[in-house]
């Protein structure tokens, strides 16, 4: 059961913004077009650099929110370097 709800994660956007991050996708309907992956929820964030993303991930301001999520749900999180200048 996912107990990390919009009410629980309301503090996350400000921690993202503090590192120049923003949501590109946050929830919404998911349709698998190919393969076996069947996620229930997808969140995609954008940072200006890998370093900024790592800085957010290790930020003490995010640590308690991250811990709440980790206690309440199972997630898969990856860091992907994007296209330069995109």
PDB file of N, CA and C in Angstrom:
ATOM      1  N   UNK A   1       0.840  -1.185   0.000  1.00  0.00           N
ATOM      2  CA  UNK A   1       0.000   0.000   0.000  1.00  0.00           C
ATOM      3  C   UNK A   1       0.884   1.246   0.000  1.00  0.00           C
ATOM      4  N   UNK A   2       0.561   2.183  -0.840  1.00  0.00           N
ATOM      5  CA  UNK A   2       1.310   3.427  -0.924  1.00  0.00           C
ATOM      6  C   UNK A   2       0.677   4.449   0.003  1.00  0.00           C
ATOM      7  N   UNK A   3       1.354   4.758   1.095  1.00  0.00           N
ATOM      8  CA  UNK A   3       0.848   5.756   2.037  1.00  0.00           C
ATOM      9  C   UNK A   3       1.518   7.104   1.857  1.00  0.00           C
ATOM     10  N   UNK A   4       2.432   7.203   0.909  1.00  0.00           N
ATOM     11  CA  UNK A   4       3.095   8.475   0.620  1.00  0.00           C
ATOM     12  C   UNK A   4       2.202   9.224  -0.358  1.00  0.00           C
ATOM     13  N   UNK A   5       1.335  10.036   0.174  1.00  0.00           N
ATOM     14  CA  UNK A   5       0.278  10.678  -0.597  1.00  0.00           C
ATOM     15  C   UNK A   5       0.646  12.120  -0.925  1.00  0.00           C
ATOM     16  N   UNK A   6      -0.147  12.761  -1.773  1.00  0.00           N
ATOM     17  CA  UNK A   6       0.105  14.185  -2.032  1.00  0.00           C
ATOM     18  C   UNK A   6       0.143  15.021  -0.754  1.00  0.00           C
ATOM     19  N   UNK A   7      -0.619  14.644   0.257  1.00  0.00           N
ATOM     20  CA  UNK A   7      -0.569  15.373   1.527  1.00  0.00           C
ATOM     21  C   UNK A   7       0.753  15.148   2.244  1.00  0.00           C
ATOM     22  N   UNK A   8       1.288  13.937   2.123  1.00  0.00           N
ATOM     23  CA  UNK A   8       2.546  13.619   2.792  1.00  0.00           C
ATOM     24  C   UNK A   8       3.734  14.263   2.094  1.00  0.00           C
ATOM     25  N   UNK A   9       3.706  14.329   0.779  1.00  0.00           N
ATOM     26  CA  UNK A   9       4.884  14.824   0.052  1.00  0.00           C
ATOM     27  C   UNK A   9       4.775  16.292  -0.339  1.00  0.00           C
ATOM     28  N   UNK A  10       3.927  17.034   0.309  1.00  0.00           N
ATOM     29  CA  UNK A  10       3.753  18.443  -0.064  1.00  0.00           C
ATOM     30  C   UNK A  10       5.010  19.279   0.153  1.00  0.00           C
ATOM     31  N   UNK A  11       5.937  18.807   0.973  1.00  0.00           N
ATOM     32  CA  UNK A  11       7.167  19.549   1.192  1.00  0.00           C
ATOM     33  C   UNK A  11       8.234  19.308   0.144  1.00  0.00           C
ATOM     34  N   UNK A  12       8.057  18.293  -0.695  1.00  0.00           N
ATOM     35  CA  UNK A  12       9.086  17.927  -1.663  1.00  0.00           C
ATOM     36  C   UNK A  12       9.330  19.013  -2.715  1.00  0.00           C
ATOM     37  N   UNK A  13       8.295  19.631  -3.298  1.00  0.00           N
ATOM     38  CA  UNK A  13       8.561  20.633  -4.345  1.00  0.00           C
ATOM     39  C   UNK A  13       9.509  21.749  -3.916  1.00  0.00           C
ATOM     40  N   UNK A  14       9.406  22.205  -2.680  1.00  0.00           N
ATOM     41  CA  UNK A  14      10.307  23.276  -2.249  1.00  0.00           C
ATOM     42  C   UNK A  14      11.742  22.787  -2.122  1.00  0.00           C
ATOM     43  N   UNK A  15      11.933  21.501  -1.774  1.00  0.00           N
ATOM     44  CA  UNK A  15      13.298  20.980  -1.710  1.00  0.00           C
ATOM     45  C   UNK A  15      13.872  20.839  -3.116  1.00  0.00           C
ATOM     46  N   UNK A  16      13.035  20.445  -4.071  1.00  0.00           N
ATOM     47  CA  UNK A  16      13.477  20.380  -5.468  1.00  0.00           C
ATOM     48  C   UNK A  16      13.893  21.763  -5.955  1.00  0.00           C
ATOM     49  N   UNK A  17      13.019  22.735  -5.738  1.00  0.00           N
ATOM     50  CA  UNK A  17      13.268  24.096  -6.226  1.00  0.00           C
ATOM     51  C   UNK A  17      14.551  24.671  -5.644  1.00  0.00           C
ATOM     52  N   UNK A  18      14.871  24.295  -4.409  1.00  0.00           N
ATOM     53  CA  UNK A  18      16.087  24.773  -3.779  1.00  0.00           C
ATOM     54  C   UNK A  18      17.355  24.322  -4.498  1.00  0.00           C
ATOM     55  N   UNK A  19      17.229  23.333  -5.363  1.00  0.00           N
ATOM     56  CA  UNK A  19      18.365  22.823  -6.131  1.00  0.00           C
ATOM     57  C   UNK A  19      18.151  22.999  -7.630  1.00  0.00           C
ATOM     58  N   UNK A  20      17.188  23.831  -7.974  1.00  0.00           N
ATOM     59  CA  UNK A  20      16.901  24.086  -9.383  1.00  0.00           C
ATOM     60  C   UNK A  20      16.094  22.979 -10.043  1.00  0.00           C
ATOM     61  N   UNK A  21      15.514  22.092  -9.249  1.00  0.00           N
ATOM     62  CA  UNK A  21      14.742  20.986  -9.792  1.00  0.00           C
ATOM     63  C   UNK A  21      13.282  21.348  -9.979  1.00  0.00           C
ATOM     64  N   UNK A  22      12.637  20.598 -10.862  1.00  0.00           N
ATOM     65  CA  UNK A  22      11.196  20.784 -11.068  1.00  0.00           C
ATOM     66  C   UNK A  22      10.617  19.490 -11.603  1.00  0.00           C
ATOM     67  N   UNK A  23       9.328  19.321 -11.386  1.00  0.00           N
ATOM     68  CA  UNK A  23       8.642  18.144 -11.909  1.00  0.00           C
ATOM     69  C   UNK A  23       8.374  18.305 -13.396  1.00  0.00           C
ATOM     70  N   UNK A  24       8.601  17.262 -14.162  1.00  0.00           N
ATOM     71  CA  UNK A  24       8.168  17.180 -15.555  1.00  0.00           C
ATOM     72  C   UNK A  24       6.941  16.284 -15.647  1.00  0.00           C
ATOM     73  N   UNK A  25       6.915  15.232 -14.844  1.00  0.00           N
ATOM     74  CA  UNK A  25       5.793  14.309 -14.744  1.00  0.00           C
ATOM     75  C   UNK A  25       5.616  13.983 -13.275  1.00  0.00           C
ATOM     76  N   UNK A  26       4.377  14.000 -12.806  1.00  0.00           N
ATOM     77  CA  UNK A  26       4.116  13.664 -11.406  1.00  0.00           C
ATOM     78  C   UNK A  26       2.758  12.979 -11.332  1.00  0.00           C
ATOM     79  N   UNK A  27       2.790  11.660 -11.364  1.00  0.00           N
ATOM     80  CA  UNK A  27       1.547  10.904 -11.336  1.00  0.00           C
ATOM     81  C   UNK A  27       0.920  10.861 -12.716  1.00  0.00           C
ATOM     82  N   UNK A  28      -0.372  10.770 -12.757  1.00  0.00           N
ATOM     83  CA  UNK A  28      -1.070  10.669 -14.028  1.00  0.00           C
ATOM     84  C   UNK A  28      -1.172   9.230 -14.492  1.00  0.00           C
ATOM     85  N   UNK A  29      -1.981   9.025 -15.471  1.00  0.00           N
ATOM     86  CA  UNK A  29      -2.216   7.683 -16.002  1.00  0.00           C
ATOM     87  C   UNK A  29      -0.963   7.146 -16.684  1.00  0.00           C
ATOM     88  N   UNK A  30      -0.674   5.873 -16.448  1.00  0.00           N
ATOM     89  CA  UNK A  30       0.482   5.212 -17.042  1.00  0.00           C
ATOM     90  C   UNK A  30      -0.019   4.111 -17.969  1.00  0.00           C
ATOM     91  N   UNK A  31       0.487   4.075 -19.172  1.00  0.00           N
ATOM     92  CA  UNK A  31       0.133   3.043 -20.139  1.00  0.00           C
ATOM     93  C   UNK A  31       1.416   2.413 -20.662  1.00  0.00           C
ATOM     94  N   UNK A  32       1.581   1.123 -20.457  1.00  0.00           N
ATOM     95  CA  UNK A  32       2.746   0.414 -20.968  1.00  0.00           C
ATOM     96  C   UNK A  32       2.510   0.076 -22.430  1.00  0.00           C
ATOM     97  N   UNK A  33       3.354   0.562 -23.294  1.00  0.00           N
ATOM     98  CA  UNK A  33       3.245   0.285 -24.721  1.00  0.00           C
ATOM     99  C   UNK A  33       4.076  -0.920 -25.137  1.00  0.00           C
ATOM    100  N   UNK A  34       5.130  -1.218 -24.394  1.00  0.00           N
ATOM    101  CA  UNK A  34       5.985  -2.350 -24.721  1.00  0.00           C
ATOM    102  C   UNK A  34       6.702  -2.798 -23.466  1.00  0.00           C
ATOM    103  N   UNK A  35       6.918  -4.079 -23.324  1.00  0.00           N
ATOM    104  CA  UNK A  35       7.665  -4.613 -22.195  1.00  0.00           C
ATOM    105  C   UNK A  35       6.770  -5.015 -21.038  1.00  0.00           C
ATOM    106  N   UNK A  36       7.422  -5.382 -19.933  1.00  0.00           N
ATOM    107  CA  UNK A  36       6.715  -5.912 -18.770  1.00  0.00           C
ATOM    108  C   UNK A  36       6.602  -4.950 -17.608  1.00  0.00           C
ATOM    109  N   UNK A  37       7.145  -3.760 -17.723  1.00  0.00           N
ATOM    110  CA  UNK A  37       7.114  -2.808 -16.620  1.00  0.00           C
ATOM    111  C   UNK A  37       5.701  -2.283 -16.455  1.00  0.00           C
ATOM    112  N   UNK A  38       5.154  -2.376 -15.242  1.00  0.00           N
ATOM    113  CA  UNK A  38       3.798  -1.929 -14.944  1.00  0.00           C
ATOM    114  C   UNK A  38       3.814  -1.014 -13.715  1.00  0.00           C
ATOM    115  N   UNK A  39       4.408   0.156 -13.846  1.00  0.00           N
ATOM    116  CA  UNK A  39       4.459   1.052 -12.680  1.00  0.00           C
ATOM    117  C   UNK A  39       3.069   1.578 -12.344  1.00  0.00           C
ATOM    118  N   UNK A  40       2.842   1.805 -11.073  1.00  0.00           N
ATOM    119  CA  UNK A  40       1.575   2.382 -10.629  1.00  0.00           C
ATOM    120  C   UNK A  40       1.616   3.908 -10.698  1.00  0.00           C
ATOM    121  N   UNK A  41       2.801   4.451 -10.511  1.00  0.00           N
ATOM    122  CA  UNK A  41       2.969   5.912 -10.515  1.00  0.00           C
ATOM    123  C   UNK A  41       4.362   6.225 -11.033  1.00  0.00           C
ATOM    124  N   UNK A  42       4.471   7.276 -11.829  1.00  0.00           N
ATOM    125  CA  UNK A  42       5.767   7.695 -12.361  1.00  0.00           C
ATOM    126  C   UNK A  42       5.961   9.175 -12.040  1.00  0.00           C
ATOM    127  N   UNK A  43       7.148   9.481 -11.570  1.00  0.00           N
ATOM    128  CA  UNK A  43       7.536  10.868 -11.322  1.00  0.00           C
ATOM    129  C   UNK A  43       8.851  11.099 -12.057  1.00  0.00           C
ATOM    130  N   UNK A  44       8.908  12.156 -12.850  1.00  0.00           N
ATOM    131  CA  UNK A  44      10.127  12.530 -13.562  1.00  0.00           C
ATOM    132  C   UNK A  44      10.459  13.959 -13.159  1.00  0.00           C
ATOM    133  N   UNK A  45      11.677  14.151 -12.699  1.00  0.00           N
ATOM    134  CA  UNK A  45      12.124  15.489 -12.324  1.00  0.00           C
ATOM    135  C   UNK A  45      13.257  15.919 -13.241  1.00  0.00           C
ATOM    136  N   UNK A  46      13.465  17.211 -13.315  1.00  0.00           N
ATOM    137  CA  UNK A  46      14.540  17.770 -14.135  1.00  0.00           C
ATOM    138  C   UNK A  46      15.427  18.631 -13.254  1.00  0.00           C
ATOM    139  N   UNK A  47      16.717  18.456 -13.393  1.00  0.00           N
ATOM    140  CA  UNK A  47      17.718  19.308 -12.756  1.00  0.00           C
ATOM    141  C   UNK A  47      18.659  19.783 -13.847  1.00  0.00           C
ATOM    142  N   UNK A  48      19.316  20.889 -13.624  1.00  0.00           N
ATOM    143  CA  UNK A  48      20.245  21.421 -14.611  1.00  0.00           C
ATOM    144  C   UNK A  48      21.515  20.587 -14.749  1.00  0.00           C
ATOM    145  N   UNK A  49      21.807  19.773 -13.736  1.00  0.00           N
ATOM    146  CA  UNK A  49      23.008  18.944 -13.790  1.00  0.00           C
ATOM    147  C   UNK A  49      22.832  17.726 -12.895  1.00  0.00           C
ATOM    148  N   UNK A  50      23.663  16.718 -13.139  1.00  0.00           N
ATOM    149  CA  UNK A  50      23.693  15.538 -12.284  1.00  0.00           C
ATOM    150  C   UNK A  50      24.101  15.942 -10.875  1.00  0.00           C
ATOM    151  N   UNK A  51      25.022  16.880 -10.782  1.00  0.00           N
ATOM    152  CA  UNK A  51      25.483  17.349  -9.472  1.00  0.00           C
ATOM    153  C   UNK A  51      24.336  17.978  -8.685  1.00  0.00           C
ATOM    154  N   UNK A  52      23.497  18.760  -9.349  1.00  0.00           N
ATOM    155  CA  UNK A  52      22.350  19.377  -8.672  1.00  0.00           C
ATOM    156  C   UNK A  52      21.383  18.311  -8.181  1.00  0.00           C
ATOM    157  N   UNK A  53      21.155  17.273  -8.984  1.00  0.00           N
ATOM    158  CA  UNK A  53      20.269  16.180  -8.574  1.00  0.00           C
ATOM    159  C   UNK A  53      20.835  15.454  -7.363  1.00  0.00           C
ATOM    160  N   UNK A  54      22.121  15.171  -7.393  1.00  0.00           N
ATOM    161  CA  UNK A  54      22.751  14.497  -6.248  1.00  0.00           C
ATOM    162  C   UNK A  54      22.736  15.379  -5.007  1.00  0.00           C
ATOM    163  N   UNK A  55      22.911  16.669  -5.187  1.00  0.00           N
ATOM    164  CA  UNK A  55      22.860  17.602  -4.065  1.00  0.00           C
ATOM    165  C   UNK A  55      21.475  17.593  -3.419  1.00  0.00           C
ATOM    166  N   UNK A  56      20.424  17.585  -4.244  1.00  0.00           N
ATOM    167  CA  UNK A  56      19.054  17.500  -3.705  1.00  0.00           C
ATOM    168  C   UNK A  56      18.867  16.186  -2.963  1.00  0.00           C
ATOM    169  N   UNK A  57      19.312  15.083  -3.567  1.00  0.00           N
ATOM    170  CA  UNK A  57      19.117  13.763  -2.979  1.00  0.00           C
ATOM    171  C   UNK A  57      19.748  13.664  -1.585  1.00  0.00           C
ATOM    172  N   UNK A  58      20.872  14.335  -1.382  1.00  0.00           N
ATOM    173  CA  UNK A  58      21.565  14.246  -0.093  1.00  0.00           C
ATOM    174  C   UNK A  58      21.286  15.439   0.825  1.00  0.00           C
ATOM    175  N   UNK A  59      20.398  16.326   0.428  1.00  0.00           N
ATOM    176  CA  UNK A  59      20.071  17.521   1.218  1.00  0.00           C
ATOM    177  C   UNK A  59      19.362  17.144   2.523  1.00  0.00           C
ATOM    178  N   UNK A  60      19.849  17.617   3.671  1.00  0.00           N
ATOM    179  CA  UNK A  60      19.167  17.351   4.942  1.00  0.00           C
ATOM    180  C   UNK A  60      17.703  17.816   4.946  1.00  0.00           C
ATOM    181  N   UNK A  61      17.376  18.846   4.184  1.00  0.00           N
ATOM    182  CA  UNK A  61      15.984  19.318   4.127  1.00  0.00           C
ATOM    183  C   UNK A  61      15.067  18.278   3.486  1.00  0.00           C
ATOM    184  N   UNK A  62      15.622  17.415   2.651  1.00  0.00           N
ATOM    185  CA  UNK A  62      14.830  16.373   2.000  1.00  0.00           C
ATOM    186  C   UNK A  62      14.883  15.049   2.762  1.00  0.00           C
ATOM    187  N   UNK A  63      15.822  14.887   3.663  1.00  0.00           N
ATOM    188  CA  UNK A  63      16.076  13.580   4.279  1.00  0.00           C
ATOM    189  C   UNK A  63      14.870  13.006   5.015  1.00  0.00           C
ATOM    190  N   UNK A  64      14.132  13.799   5.775  1.00  0.00           N
ATOM    191  CA  UNK A  64      12.974  13.263   6.498  1.00  0.00           C
ATOM    192  C   UNK A  64      11.849  12.892   5.541  1.00  0.00           C
ATOM    193  N   UNK A  65      11.635  13.709   4.521  1.00  0.00           N
ATOM    194  CA  UNK A  65      10.622  13.376   3.516  1.00  0.00           C
ATOM    195  C   UNK A  65      11.001  12.095   2.782  1.00  0.00           C
ATOM    196  N   UNK A  66      12.271  11.958   2.460  1.00  0.00           N
ATOM    197  CA  UNK A  66      12.761  10.752   1.797  1.00  0.00           C
ATOM    198  C   UNK A  66      12.561   9.540   2.711  1.00  0.00           C
ATOM    199  N   UNK A  67      12.868   9.691   3.984  1.00  0.00           N
ATOM    200  CA  UNK A  67      12.702   8.596   4.940  1.00  0.00           C
ATOM    201  C   UNK A  67      11.232   8.186   5.062  1.00  0.00           C
ATOM    202  N   UNK A  68      10.310   9.158   5.069  1.00  0.00           N
ATOM    203  CA  UNK A  68       8.878   8.839   5.118  1.00  0.00           C
ATOM    204  C   UNK A  68       8.479   8.016   3.901  1.00  0.00           C
ATOM    205  N   UNK A  69       8.936   8.433   2.727  1.00  0.00           N
ATOM    206  CA  UNK A  69       8.619   7.699   1.510  1.00  0.00           C
ATOM    207  C   UNK A  69       9.187   6.290   1.574  1.00  0.00           C
ATOM    208  N   UNK A  70      10.414   6.164   2.018  1.00  0.00           N
ATOM    209  CA  UNK A  70      11.061   4.859   2.077  1.00  0.00           C
ATOM    210  C   UNK A  70      10.378   3.917   3.063  1.00  0.00           C
ATOM    211  N   UNK A  71       9.817   4.469   4.142  1.00  0.00           N
ATOM    212  CA  UNK A  71       9.104   3.645   5.122  1.00  0.00           C
ATOM    213  C   UNK A  71       7.732   3.211   4.628  1.00  0.00           C
ATOM    214  N   UNK A  72       7.151   3.986   3.727  1.00  0.00           N
ATOM    215  CA  UNK A  72       5.746   3.759   3.395  1.00  0.00           C
ATOM    216  C   UNK A  72       5.490   3.120   2.034  1.00  0.00           C
ATOM    217  N   UNK A  73       6.486   3.056   1.176  1.00  0.00           N
ATOM    218  CA  UNK A  73       6.250   2.522  -0.158  1.00  0.00           C
ATOM    219  C   UNK A  73       7.545   1.957  -0.729  1.00  0.00           C
ATOM    220  N   UNK A  74       7.417   1.169  -1.763  1.00  0.00           N
ATOM    221  CA  UNK A  74       8.573   0.635  -2.470  1.00  0.00           C
ATOM    222  C   UNK A  74       8.742   1.433  -3.754  1.00  0.00           C
ATOM    223  N   UNK A  75       9.933   1.937  -3.990  1.00  0.00           N
ATOM    224  CA  UNK A  75      10.180   2.750  -5.173  1.00  0.00           C
ATOM    225  C   UNK A  75      11.428   2.283  -5.895  1.00  0.00           C
ATOM    226  N   UNK A  76      11.519   2.677  -7.134  1.00  0.00           N
ATOM    227  CA  UNK A  76      12.729   2.519  -7.936  1.00  0.00           C
ATOM    228  C   UNK A  76      13.098   3.912  -8.405  1.00  0.00           C
ATOM    229  N   UNK A  77      14.300   4.321  -8.107  1.00  0.00           N
ATOM    230  CA  UNK A  77      14.749   5.664  -8.459  1.00  0.00           C
ATOM    231  C   UNK A  77      16.067   5.537  -9.217  1.00  0.00           C
ATOM    232  N   UNK A  78      16.116   6.212 -10.352  1.00  0.00           N
ATOM    233  CA  UNK A  78      17.330   6.215 -11.156  1.00  0.00           C
ATOM    234  C   UNK A  78      17.699   7.652 -11.495  1.00  0.00           C
ATOM    235  N   UNK A  79      18.952   7.861 -11.787  1.00  0.00           N
ATOM    236  CA  UNK A  79      19.463   9.150 -12.212  1.00  0.00           C
ATOM    237  C   UNK A  79      19.971   8.965 -13.643  1.00  0.00           C
ATOM    238  N   UNK A  80      19.431   9.744 -14.561  1.00  0.00           N
ATOM    239  CA  UNK A  80      19.788   9.611 -15.960  1.00  0.00           C
ATOM    240  C   UNK A  80      20.316  10.952 -16.459  1.00  0.00           C
ATOM    241  N   UNK A  81      21.499  10.936 -17.022  1.00  0.00           N
ATOM    242  CA  UNK A  81      22.050  12.154 -17.609  1.00  0.00           C
ATOM    243  C   UNK A  81      21.353  12.401 -18.941  1.00  0.00           C
ATOM    244  N   UNK A  82      20.873  13.618 -19.117  1.00  0.00           N
ATOM    245  CA  UNK A  82      20.114  13.942 -20.323  1.00  0.00           C
ATOM    246  C   UNK A  82      20.979  14.527 -21.420  1.00  0.00           C
ATOM    247  N   UNK A  83      20.322  15.158 -22.355  1.00  0.00           N
ATOM    248  CA  UNK A  83      21.001  15.788 -23.482  1.00  0.00           C
ATOM    249  C   UNK A  83      21.523  17.155 -23.096  1.00  0.00           C
ATOM    250  N   UNK A  84      22.747  17.431 -23.426  1.00  0.00           N
ATOM    251  CA  UNK A  84      23.352  18.728 -23.148  1.00  0.00           C
ATOM    252  C   UNK A  84      22.581  19.821 -23.862  1.00  0.00           C
ATOM    253  N   UNK A  85      22.133  20.817 -23.119  1.00  0.00           N
ATOM    254  CA  UNK A  85      21.435  21.943 -23.697  1.00  0.00           C
ATOM    255  C   UNK A  85      19.962  21.690 -23.992  1.00  0.00           C
ATOM    256  N   UNK A  86      19.450  20.536 -23.623  1.00  0.00           N
ATOM    257  CA  UNK A  86      18.033  20.232 -23.894  1.00  0.00           C
ATOM    258  C   UNK A  86      17.139  20.820 -22.828  1.00  0.00           C
TER     259      UNK A  86
END
